[in-house]
């Protein structure tokens, strides 16, 4: 199925070719995010953060209305309140920006797609089997993820795999093939190995080390490693001090074939990815004056 895309990822009005890195900024419309602790919960603050991220080089924005991990229950009505009108306002504010919404609920997926979302980021691996149909009906893209069979908002505990990379590949490509069969555009599908979700630190490190195997499936790979716990545990650092480790994991992922990167720090990630593109030979340096004048 992956060959149907011809290597080009199409989301909204944007197209991203092979070798072109796309940067996704994170905006949490939640009061209890693990990283920003509600910094973009207020509408004005969220819009301002996106304006700055776009100026800094973001290609996509991922909007979440529910904290991924444990926390206060969030009803579907409340998730809709946090996301739908915001997406509509953002579409008017940034017509060319690719808008992604992080949701595992098909009801939310349909409403945000109607409001202008281009991509449905199903972080919980098809927990709601109807979400794939919401993507197909709306023409939105879809992220197919891996969580090791966990239910939404569940933290991993003693997860075991014979081969975590093989399990990730089997699950994500299976979900991608199901999405195509359901009518989702093949050129709008990404797979996400989903670091930390359904994985301990050693498993997330192994996944990063072998990301080229995931990229070899042919599906565009999205990585969301920004300030994750596997980086924090590896370096014994809290969320606010994981920036350097994030850039290291992001750079390795880019070198091994990832194409879309979900990050908190857009300027640092943009610089790192621009340099990696040049090193890989898919872009030219901004300047080459040294020793030539």
C-alpha atoms as a PDB file:
ATOM      1  CA  UNK A   1       0.000   0.000   0.000  1.00  0.00           C
ATOM      2  CA  UNK A   2       2.821   2.415   0.778  1.00  0.00           C
ATOM      3  CA  UNK A   3       3.857   2.600  -2.894  1.00  0.00           C
ATOM      4  CA  UNK A   4       0.554   4.301  -3.774  1.00  0.00           C
ATOM      5  CA  UNK A   5       1.800   7.572  -2.288  1.00  0.00           C
ATOM      6  CA  UNK A   6       4.800   8.012  -4.533  1.00  0.00           C
ATOM      7  CA  UNK A   7       6.716   9.306  -1.527  1.00  0.00           C
ATOM      8  CA  UNK A   8       4.888  12.655  -1.294  1.00  0.00           C
ATOM      9  CA  UNK A   9       2.967  13.489   1.888  1.00  0.00           C
ATOM     10  CA  UNK A  10      -0.018  15.784   1.264  1.00  0.00           C
ATOM     11  CA  UNK A  11      -1.686  17.533   4.178  1.00  0.00           C
ATOM     12  CA  UNK A  12      -4.085  20.401   3.650  1.00  0.00           C
ATOM     13  CA  UNK A  13      -2.614  22.731   1.037  1.00  0.00           C
ATOM     14  CA  UNK A  14       0.959  21.521   1.676  1.00  0.00           C
ATOM     15  CA  UNK A  15       3.015  18.797   0.060  1.00  0.00           C
ATOM     16  CA  UNK A  16       6.195  17.382   1.602  1.00  0.00           C
ATOM     17  CA  UNK A  17       8.500  15.381  -0.628  1.00  0.00           C
ATOM     18  CA  UNK A  18      10.971  12.684   0.319  1.00  0.00           C
ATOM     19  CA  UNK A  19      13.974  14.298   1.997  1.00  0.00           C
ATOM     20  CA  UNK A  20      11.946  17.305   3.166  1.00  0.00           C
ATOM     21  CA  UNK A  21      11.517  17.554   6.934  1.00  0.00           C
ATOM     22  CA  UNK A  22       8.221  18.901   8.289  1.00  0.00           C
ATOM     23  CA  UNK A  23       8.091  20.488  11.720  1.00  0.00           C
ATOM     24  CA  UNK A  24       5.020  20.173  13.937  1.00  0.00           C
ATOM     25  CA  UNK A  25       4.655  22.473  16.937  1.00  0.00           C
ATOM     26  CA  UNK A  26       2.649  21.401  19.994  1.00  0.00           C
ATOM     27  CA  UNK A  27      -0.201  23.434  21.465  1.00  0.00           C
ATOM     28  CA  UNK A  28      -1.979  21.857  24.414  1.00  0.00           C
ATOM     29  CA  UNK A  29      -5.451  23.241  25.098  1.00  0.00           C
ATOM     30  CA  UNK A  30      -5.304  21.566  28.503  1.00  0.00           C
ATOM     31  CA  UNK A  31      -4.670  22.935  31.999  1.00  0.00           C
ATOM     32  CA  UNK A  32      -2.499  19.974  33.035  1.00  0.00           C
ATOM     33  CA  UNK A  33       0.052  19.281  30.291  1.00  0.00           C
ATOM     34  CA  UNK A  34       3.117  17.429  31.572  1.00  0.00           C
ATOM     35  CA  UNK A  35       5.436  19.993  29.963  1.00  0.00           C
ATOM     36  CA  UNK A  36       3.877  23.458  29.839  1.00  0.00           C
ATOM     37  CA  UNK A  37       1.421  23.073  32.753  1.00  0.00           C
ATOM     38  CA  UNK A  38      -1.354  24.883  30.933  1.00  0.00           C
ATOM     39  CA  UNK A  39       0.639  27.683  29.298  1.00  0.00           C
ATOM     40  CA  UNK A  40      -1.492  27.507  26.137  1.00  0.00           C
ATOM     41  CA  UNK A  41      -4.826  26.594  27.745  1.00  0.00           C
ATOM     42  CA  UNK A  42      -6.161  30.138  27.288  1.00  0.00           C
ATOM     43  CA  UNK A  43      -7.212  30.942  23.720  1.00  0.00           C
ATOM     44  CA  UNK A  44      -5.153  34.120  23.368  1.00  0.00           C
ATOM     45  CA  UNK A  45      -2.030  32.421  24.707  1.00  0.00           C
ATOM     46  CA  UNK A  46      -2.507  29.497  22.331  1.00  0.00           C
ATOM     47  CA  UNK A  47      -2.917  31.725  19.288  1.00  0.00           C
ATOM     48  CA  UNK A  48       0.137  33.765  20.283  1.00  0.00           C
ATOM     49  CA  UNK A  49       2.209  30.592  20.675  1.00  0.00           C
ATOM     50  CA  UNK A  50       1.189  29.407  17.210  1.00  0.00           C
ATOM     51  CA  UNK A  51       1.909  32.795  15.634  1.00  0.00           C
ATOM     52  CA  UNK A  52       5.431  32.636  17.060  1.00  0.00           C
ATOM     53  CA  UNK A  53       5.946  29.006  16.036  1.00  0.00           C
ATOM     54  CA  UNK A  54       4.940  29.775  12.462  1.00  0.00           C
ATOM     55  CA  UNK A  55       7.356  32.703  12.408  1.00  0.00           C
ATOM     56  CA  UNK A  56      10.058  30.344  13.707  1.00  0.00           C
ATOM     57  CA  UNK A  57       9.512  27.795  10.936  1.00  0.00           C
ATOM     58  CA  UNK A  58       6.724  25.419  11.986  1.00  0.00           C
ATOM     59  CA  UNK A  59       4.867  23.726   9.117  1.00  0.00           C
ATOM     60  CA  UNK A  60       2.161  22.082  11.211  1.00  0.00           C
ATOM     61  CA  UNK A  61       0.516  22.590  14.578  1.00  0.00           C
ATOM     62  CA  UNK A  62      -0.811  19.719  16.704  1.00  0.00           C
ATOM     63  CA  UNK A  63      -3.658  20.731  19.009  1.00  0.00           C
ATOM     64  CA  UNK A  64      -4.599  18.539  21.952  1.00  0.00           C
ATOM     65  CA  UNK A  65      -7.659  18.901  24.133  1.00  0.00           C
ATOM     66  CA  UNK A  66      -6.923  15.999  26.497  1.00  0.00           C
ATOM     67  CA  UNK A  67      -3.737  15.258  28.424  1.00  0.00           C
ATOM     68  CA  UNK A  68      -2.211  12.023  27.154  1.00  0.00           C
ATOM     69  CA  UNK A  69      -1.490  10.434  30.532  1.00  0.00           C
ATOM     70  CA  UNK A  70      -3.257  10.139  33.868  1.00  0.00           C
ATOM     71  CA  UNK A  71      -5.249  13.156  34.986  1.00  0.00           C
ATOM     72  CA  UNK A  72      -8.726  14.489  35.524  1.00  0.00           C
ATOM     73  CA  UNK A  73     -11.354  12.867  33.281  1.00  0.00           C
ATOM     74  CA  UNK A  74     -12.214  14.947  30.219  1.00  0.00           C
ATOM     75  CA  UNK A  75     -15.617  14.358  28.636  1.00  0.00           C
ATOM     76  CA  UNK A  76     -16.132  14.426  24.899  1.00  0.00           C
ATOM     77  CA  UNK A  77     -18.176  17.622  25.263  1.00  0.00           C
ATOM     78  CA  UNK A  78     -15.308  19.288  27.107  1.00  0.00           C
ATOM     79  CA  UNK A  79     -12.778  18.135  24.514  1.00  0.00           C
ATOM     80  CA  UNK A  80     -15.014  19.587  21.798  1.00  0.00           C
ATOM     81  CA  UNK A  81     -15.230  22.871  23.708  1.00  0.00           C
ATOM     82  CA  UNK A  82     -11.449  23.087  23.882  1.00  0.00           C
ATOM     83  CA  UNK A  83     -10.785  22.297  20.232  1.00  0.00           C
ATOM     84  CA  UNK A  84     -13.523  22.926  17.659  1.00  0.00           C
ATOM     85  CA  UNK A  85     -13.943  26.701  17.819  1.00  0.00           C
ATOM     86  CA  UNK A  86     -10.199  27.083  18.310  1.00  0.00           C
ATOM     87  CA  UNK A  87      -9.480  25.125  15.118  1.00  0.00           C
ATOM     88  CA  UNK A  88     -12.002  27.232  13.184  1.00  0.00           C
ATOM     89  CA  UNK A  89     -10.401  30.433  14.435  1.00  0.00           C
ATOM     90  CA  UNK A  90      -6.920  29.147  13.665  1.00  0.00           C
ATOM     91  CA  UNK A  91      -7.902  28.197  10.127  1.00  0.00           C
ATOM     92  CA  UNK A  92      -9.040  31.780   9.531  1.00  0.00           C
ATOM     93  CA  UNK A  93      -5.882  33.146  11.176  1.00  0.00           C
ATOM     94  CA  UNK A  94      -3.396  30.928   9.294  1.00  0.00           C
ATOM     95  CA  UNK A  95      -5.027  29.703   6.056  1.00  0.00           C
ATOM     96  CA  UNK A  96      -1.952  27.814   4.846  1.00  0.00           C
ATOM     97  CA  UNK A  97      -0.923  26.180   8.113  1.00  0.00           C
ATOM     98  CA  UNK A  98      -1.408  22.420   8.404  1.00  0.00           C
ATOM     99  CA  UNK A  99      -3.659  21.859  11.425  1.00  0.00           C
ATOM    100  CA  UNK A 100      -3.504  18.543  13.271  1.00  0.00           C
ATOM    101  CA  UNK A 101      -5.696  17.559  16.195  1.00  0.00           C
ATOM    102  CA  UNK A 102      -4.558  14.962  18.714  1.00  0.00           C
ATOM    103  CA  UNK A 103      -7.683  12.967  19.561  1.00  0.00           C
ATOM    104  CA  UNK A 104      -8.722   9.349  19.934  1.00  0.00           C
ATOM    105  CA  UNK A 105     -12.473  10.054  19.679  1.00  0.00           C
ATOM    106  CA  UNK A 106     -14.271   9.774  16.333  1.00  0.00           C
ATOM    107  CA  UNK A 107     -16.910  12.314  17.395  1.00  0.00           C
ATOM    108  CA  UNK A 108     -14.220  14.902  18.061  1.00  0.00           C
ATOM    109  CA  UNK A 109     -12.388  13.932  14.872  1.00  0.00           C
ATOM    110  CA  UNK A 110     -15.452  14.630  12.727  1.00  0.00           C
ATOM    111  CA  UNK A 111     -16.134  18.004  14.318  1.00  0.00           C
ATOM    112  CA  UNK A 112     -12.553  19.298  14.120  1.00  0.00           C
ATOM    113  CA  UNK A 113     -12.267  18.147  10.510  1.00  0.00           C
ATOM    114  CA  UNK A 114     -15.413  20.144   9.706  1.00  0.00           C
ATOM    115  CA  UNK A 115     -13.809  23.135  11.463  1.00  0.00           C
ATOM    116  CA  UNK A 116     -10.709  22.950   9.281  1.00  0.00           C
ATOM    117  CA  UNK A 117      -8.314  20.296  10.656  1.00  0.00           C
ATOM    118  CA  UNK A 118      -6.134  18.663   8.005  1.00  0.00           C
ATOM    119  CA  UNK A 119      -4.726  15.780  10.056  1.00  0.00           C
ATOM    120  CA  UNK A 120      -6.146  13.519  12.780  1.00  0.00           C
ATOM    121  CA  UNK A 121      -3.421  12.426  15.172  1.00  0.00           C
ATOM    122  CA  UNK A 122      -4.809   9.217  16.660  1.00  0.00           C
ATOM    123  CA  UNK A 123      -2.236   8.712  19.395  1.00  0.00           C
ATOM    124  CA  UNK A 124      -4.077   5.699  20.832  1.00  0.00           C
ATOM    125  CA  UNK A 125      -3.821   3.362  17.854  1.00  0.00           C
ATOM    126  CA  UNK A 126      -7.443   3.031  16.788  1.00  0.00           C
ATOM    127  CA  UNK A 127      -8.973   2.672  20.259  1.00  0.00           C
ATOM    128  CA  UNK A 128     -12.116   4.106  18.647  1.00  0.00           C
ATOM    129  CA  UNK A 129     -12.426   2.028  15.456  1.00  0.00           C
ATOM    130  CA  UNK A 130     -14.722   4.631  13.885  1.00  0.00           C
ATOM    131  CA  UNK A 131     -12.030   7.320  13.843  1.00  0.00           C
ATOM    132  CA  UNK A 132     -10.541   5.948  10.635  1.00  0.00           C
ATOM    133  CA  UNK A 133     -13.911   6.484   8.965  1.00  0.00           C
ATOM    134  CA  UNK A 134     -13.974  10.078  10.172  1.00  0.00           C
ATOM    135  CA  UNK A 135     -10.667  10.607   8.357  1.00  0.00           C
ATOM    136  CA  UNK A 136     -11.944   8.911   5.219  1.00  0.00           C
ATOM    137  CA  UNK A 137     -15.194  10.881   5.133  1.00  0.00           C
ATOM    138  CA  UNK A 138     -13.522  14.243   5.681  1.00  0.00           C
ATOM    139  CA  UNK A 139     -10.470  13.762   3.473  1.00  0.00           C
ATOM    140  CA  UNK A 140      -8.182  14.470   6.430  1.00  0.00           C
ATOM    141  CA  UNK A 141      -4.860  12.741   6.901  1.00  0.00           C
ATOM    142  CA  UNK A 142      -4.340  10.190   9.671  1.00  0.00           C
ATOM    143  CA  UNK A 143      -1.542   9.268  12.076  1.00  0.00           C
ATOM    144  CA  UNK A 144      -1.363   5.534  12.837  1.00  0.00           C
ATOM    145  CA  UNK A 145       0.366   4.863  16.147  1.00  0.00           C
ATOM    146  CA  UNK A 146       1.563   2.068  18.441  1.00  0.00           C
ATOM    147  CA  UNK A 147       0.668   1.780  22.132  1.00  0.00           C
ATOM    148  CA  UNK A 148       1.081  -1.925  22.792  1.00  0.00           C
ATOM    149  CA  UNK A 149      -2.639  -2.500  23.245  1.00  0.00           C
ATOM    150  CA  UNK A 150      -3.109   0.036  26.040  1.00  0.00           C
ATOM    151  CA  UNK A 151      -6.369   1.915  26.542  1.00  0.00           C
ATOM    152  CA  UNK A 152      -6.334   5.722  26.175  1.00  0.00           C
ATOM    153  CA  UNK A 153      -4.641   7.682  28.966  1.00  0.00           C
ATOM    154  CA  UNK A 154      -3.005   4.581  30.405  1.00  0.00           C
ATOM    155  CA  UNK A 155       0.662   4.603  31.388  1.00  0.00           C
ATOM    156  CA  UNK A 156       2.802   1.549  30.537  1.00  0.00           C
ATOM    157  CA  UNK A 157       3.575  -1.014  33.222  1.00  0.00           C
ATOM    158  CA  UNK A 158       5.962  -3.909  32.651  1.00  0.00           C
ATOM    159  CA  UNK A 159       5.421  -3.879  28.878  1.00  0.00           C
ATOM    160  CA  UNK A 160       7.095  -6.828  27.165  1.00  0.00           C
ATOM    161  CA  UNK A 161       7.753  -7.512  23.478  1.00  0.00           C
ATOM    162  CA  UNK A 162       9.731 -10.226  21.738  1.00  0.00           C
ATOM    163  CA  UNK A 163      10.944  -7.404  19.477  1.00  0.00           C
ATOM    164  CA  UNK A 164       9.528  -3.936  20.098  1.00  0.00           C
ATOM    165  CA  UNK A 165      10.501  -2.649  16.653  1.00  0.00           C
ATOM    166  CA  UNK A 166       8.850  -5.574  14.892  1.00  0.00           C
ATOM    167  CA  UNK A 167       5.710  -5.022  16.977  1.00  0.00           C
ATOM    168  CA  UNK A 168       5.669  -1.316  16.091  1.00  0.00           C
ATOM    169  CA  UNK A 169       6.052  -2.070  12.388  1.00  0.00           C
ATOM    170  CA  UNK A 170       3.379  -4.761  12.393  1.00  0.00           C
ATOM    171  CA  UNK A 171       0.870  -2.605  14.269  1.00  0.00           C
ATOM    172  CA  UNK A 172       1.374   0.721  12.488  1.00  0.00           C
ATOM    173  CA  UNK A 173       1.501  -0.698   8.985  1.00  0.00           C
ATOM    174  CA  UNK A 174      -1.552  -2.814   9.746  1.00  0.00           C
ATOM    175  CA  UNK A 175      -3.438   0.307  10.838  1.00  0.00           C
ATOM    176  CA  UNK A 176      -2.211   2.163   7.745  1.00  0.00           C
ATOM    177  CA  UNK A 177      -3.424  -0.606   5.439  1.00  0.00           C
ATOM    178  CA  UNK A 178      -6.782  -0.650   7.264  1.00  0.00           C
ATOM    179  CA  UNK A 179      -7.026   3.120   6.784  1.00  0.00           C
ATOM    180  CA  UNK A 180      -6.453   2.816   3.037  1.00  0.00           C
ATOM    181  CA  UNK A 181      -9.085   0.071   2.845  1.00  0.00           C
ATOM    182  CA  UNK A 182     -11.502   2.385   4.683  1.00  0.00           C
ATOM    183  CA  UNK A 183     -10.939   5.156   2.147  1.00  0.00           C
ATOM    184  CA  UNK A 184      -8.271   7.338   3.772  1.00  0.00           C
ATOM    185  CA  UNK A 185      -5.953   8.940   1.209  1.00  0.00           C
ATOM    186  CA  UNK A 186      -2.684   6.951   1.113  1.00  0.00           C
ATOM    187  CA  UNK A 187      -0.726  10.185   0.658  1.00  0.00           C
ATOM    188  CA  UNK A 188      -2.206  11.545   3.899  1.00  0.00           C
ATOM    189  CA  UNK A 189      -1.144   8.670   6.174  1.00  0.00           C
ATOM    190  CA  UNK A 190       1.781   8.743   8.605  1.00  0.00           C
ATOM    191  CA  UNK A 191       2.961   6.122  11.063  1.00  0.00           C
ATOM    192  CA  UNK A 192       4.181   7.029  14.547  1.00  0.00           C
ATOM    193  CA  UNK A 193       6.246   4.590  16.637  1.00  0.00           C
ATOM    194  CA  UNK A 194       4.899   6.572  19.598  1.00  0.00           C
ATOM    195  CA  UNK A 195       7.838   6.728  21.994  1.00  0.00           C
ATOM    196  CA  UNK A 196       6.972   6.184  25.678  1.00  0.00           C
ATOM    197  CA  UNK A 197       3.386   5.108  24.901  1.00  0.00           C
ATOM    198  CA  UNK A 198       3.222   1.419  25.793  1.00  0.00           C
ATOM    199  CA  UNK A 199       6.999   1.350  26.173  1.00  0.00           C
ATOM    200  CA  UNK A 200       9.596   1.633  28.902  1.00  0.00           C
ATOM    201  CA  UNK A 201      12.759   3.681  28.490  1.00  0.00           C
ATOM    202  CA  UNK A 202      14.866   0.813  27.138  1.00  0.00           C
ATOM    203  CA  UNK A 203      12.216   0.028  24.535  1.00  0.00           C
ATOM    204  CA  UNK A 204      11.971   3.663  23.407  1.00  0.00           C
ATOM    205  CA  UNK A 205      15.759   3.823  23.114  1.00  0.00           C
ATOM    206  CA  UNK A 206      15.803   0.631  21.047  1.00  0.00           C
ATOM    207  CA  UNK A 207      13.108   2.070  18.809  1.00  0.00           C
ATOM    208  CA  UNK A 208      15.128   5.240  18.253  1.00  0.00           C
ATOM    209  CA  UNK A 209      18.277   3.251  17.524  1.00  0.00           C
ATOM    210  CA  UNK A 210      16.478   1.187  14.880  1.00  0.00           C
ATOM    211  CA  UNK A 211      14.156   3.808  13.420  1.00  0.00           C
ATOM    212  CA  UNK A 212      15.520   3.132   9.950  1.00  0.00           C
ATOM    213  CA  UNK A 213      13.617  -0.159  10.022  1.00  0.00           C
ATOM    214  CA  UNK A 214      10.368   1.722  10.612  1.00  0.00           C
ATOM    215  CA  UNK A 215      11.174   4.198   7.823  1.00  0.00           C
ATOM    216  CA  UNK A 216      11.925   1.276   5.481  1.00  0.00           C
ATOM    217  CA  UNK A 217       8.199   0.419   5.457  1.00  0.00           C
ATOM    218  CA  UNK A 218       7.742   3.296   2.998  1.00  0.00           C
ATOM    219  CA  UNK A 219       5.151   5.100   5.098  1.00  0.00           C
ATOM    220  CA  UNK A 220       6.170   8.613   6.229  1.00  0.00           C
ATOM    221  CA  UNK A 221       7.298   8.420   9.854  1.00  0.00           C
ATOM    222  CA  UNK A 222       6.306  10.976  12.481  1.00  0.00           C
ATOM    223  CA  UNK A 223       8.356  11.064  15.670  1.00  0.00           C
ATOM    224  CA  UNK A 224       7.260  12.701  18.906  1.00  0.00           C
ATOM    225  CA  UNK A 225      10.303  12.541  21.165  1.00  0.00           C
ATOM    226  CA  UNK A 226      10.229  16.097  22.519  1.00  0.00           C
ATOM    227  CA  UNK A 227      11.006  16.145  26.258  1.00  0.00           C
ATOM    228  CA  UNK A 228       9.752  12.587  26.637  1.00  0.00           C
ATOM    229  CA  UNK A 229      10.355  10.504  29.767  1.00  0.00           C
ATOM    230  CA  UNK A 230      12.773   8.127  28.028  1.00  0.00           C
ATOM    231  CA  UNK A 231      15.076  11.114  27.504  1.00  0.00           C
ATOM    232  CA  UNK A 232      14.551  12.306  31.063  1.00  0.00           C
ATOM    233  CA  UNK A 233      15.273   8.891  32.585  1.00  0.00           C
ATOM    234  CA  UNK A 234      18.316   8.351  30.389  1.00  0.00           C
ATOM    235  CA  UNK A 235      19.843  11.668  31.449  1.00  0.00           C
ATOM    236  CA  UNK A 236      18.175  11.953  34.887  1.00  0.00           C
ATOM    237  CA  UNK A 237      16.597  15.282  33.996  1.00  0.00           C
ATOM    238  CA  UNK A 238      13.132  16.818  34.577  1.00  0.00           C
ATOM    239  CA  UNK A 239      10.964  17.902  31.618  1.00  0.00           C
ATOM    240  CA  UNK A 240      12.230  21.482  31.544  1.00  0.00           C
ATOM    241  CA  UNK A 241      15.863  20.398  31.143  1.00  0.00           C
ATOM    242  CA  UNK A 242      15.537  17.821  28.353  1.00  0.00           C
ATOM    243  CA  UNK A 243      16.090  20.158  25.400  1.00  0.00           C
ATOM    244  CA  UNK A 244      19.580  18.970  24.479  1.00  0.00           C
ATOM    245  CA  UNK A 245      18.596  15.337  24.776  1.00  0.00           C
ATOM    246  CA  UNK A 246      15.539  16.025  22.646  1.00  0.00           C
ATOM    247  CA  UNK A 247      17.703  17.482  19.873  1.00  0.00           C
ATOM    248  CA  UNK A 248      19.966  14.438  19.981  1.00  0.00           C
ATOM    249  CA  UNK A 249      17.048  12.003  19.664  1.00  0.00           C
ATOM    250  CA  UNK A 250      15.404  14.156  17.005  1.00  0.00           C
ATOM    251  CA  UNK A 251      18.618  14.334  14.975  1.00  0.00           C
ATOM    252  CA  UNK A 252      19.164  10.575  15.089  1.00  0.00           C
ATOM    253  CA  UNK A 253      15.546  10.064  14.031  1.00  0.00           C
ATOM    254  CA  UNK A 254      15.935  12.460  11.112  1.00  0.00           C
ATOM    255  CA  UNK A 255      19.166  10.803   9.983  1.00  0.00           C
ATOM    256  CA  UNK A 256      17.462   7.397  10.102  1.00  0.00           C
ATOM    257  CA  UNK A 257      14.526   8.476   7.953  1.00  0.00           C
ATOM    258  CA  UNK A 258      11.814  10.202  10.002  1.00  0.00           C
ATOM    259  CA  UNK A 259      10.026  12.962   8.089  1.00  0.00           C
ATOM    260  CA  UNK A 260       7.711  14.784  10.509  1.00  0.00           C
ATOM    261  CA  UNK A 261       8.785  15.968  13.962  1.00  0.00           C
ATOM    262  CA  UNK A 262       6.468  16.961  16.820  1.00  0.00           C
ATOM    263  CA  UNK A 263       8.371  19.423  19.046  1.00  0.00           C
ATOM    264  CA  UNK A 264       8.064  22.060  21.752  1.00  0.00           C
ATOM    265  CA  UNK A 265      11.120  24.135  20.759  1.00  0.00           C
ATOM    266  CA  UNK A 266      10.613  25.078  17.111  1.00  0.00           C
ATOM    267  CA  UNK A 267      13.688  27.297  16.498  1.00  0.00           C
ATOM    268  CA  UNK A 268      16.162  24.731  17.850  1.00  0.00           C
ATOM    269  CA  UNK A 269      14.508  21.875  15.968  1.00  0.00           C
ATOM    270  CA  UNK A 270      14.365  23.876  12.730  1.00  0.00           C
ATOM    271  CA  UNK A 271      18.095  24.610  12.874  1.00  0.00           C
ATOM    272  CA  UNK A 272      18.955  20.992  13.642  1.00  0.00           C
ATOM    273  CA  UNK A 273      16.780  19.645  10.826  1.00  0.00           C
ATOM    274  CA  UNK A 274      18.075  22.198   8.324  1.00  0.00           C
ATOM    275  CA  UNK A 275      21.644  21.107   9.052  1.00  0.00           C
ATOM    276  CA  UNK A 276      20.760  17.409   8.811  1.00  0.00           C
ATOM    277  CA  UNK A 277      19.073  18.002   5.444  1.00  0.00           C
ATOM    278  CA  UNK A 278      22.320  19.521   4.154  1.00  0.00           C
ATOM    279  CA  UNK A 279      24.418  16.711   5.616  1.00  0.00           C
ATOM    280  CA  UNK A 280      22.150  14.158   3.957  1.00  0.00           C
ATOM    281  CA  UNK A 281      22.473  15.961   0.646  1.00  0.00           C
ATOM    282  CA  UNK A 282      18.796  16.908   0.258  1.00  0.00           C
ATOM    283  CA  UNK A 283      19.376  20.658   0.751  1.00  0.00           C
ATOM    284  CA  UNK A 284      22.101  23.213   0.116  1.00  0.00           C
ATOM    285  CA  UNK A 285      23.865  25.353   2.745  1.00  0.00           C
ATOM    286  CA  UNK A 286      22.517  28.872   3.203  1.00  0.00           C
ATOM    287  CA  UNK A 287      26.048  30.151   2.521  1.00  0.00           C
ATOM    288  CA  UNK A 288      29.466  28.756   1.512  1.00  0.00           C
ATOM    289  CA  UNK A 289      31.760  31.795   1.743  1.00  0.00           C
ATOM    290  CA  UNK A 290      34.324  30.449   4.211  1.00  0.00           C
ATOM    291  CA  UNK A 291      37.832  30.285   2.631  1.00  0.00           C
ATOM    292  CA  UNK A 292      36.400  31.228  -0.775  1.00  0.00           C
ATOM    293  CA  UNK A 293      36.639  35.038  -0.527  1.00  0.00           C
END
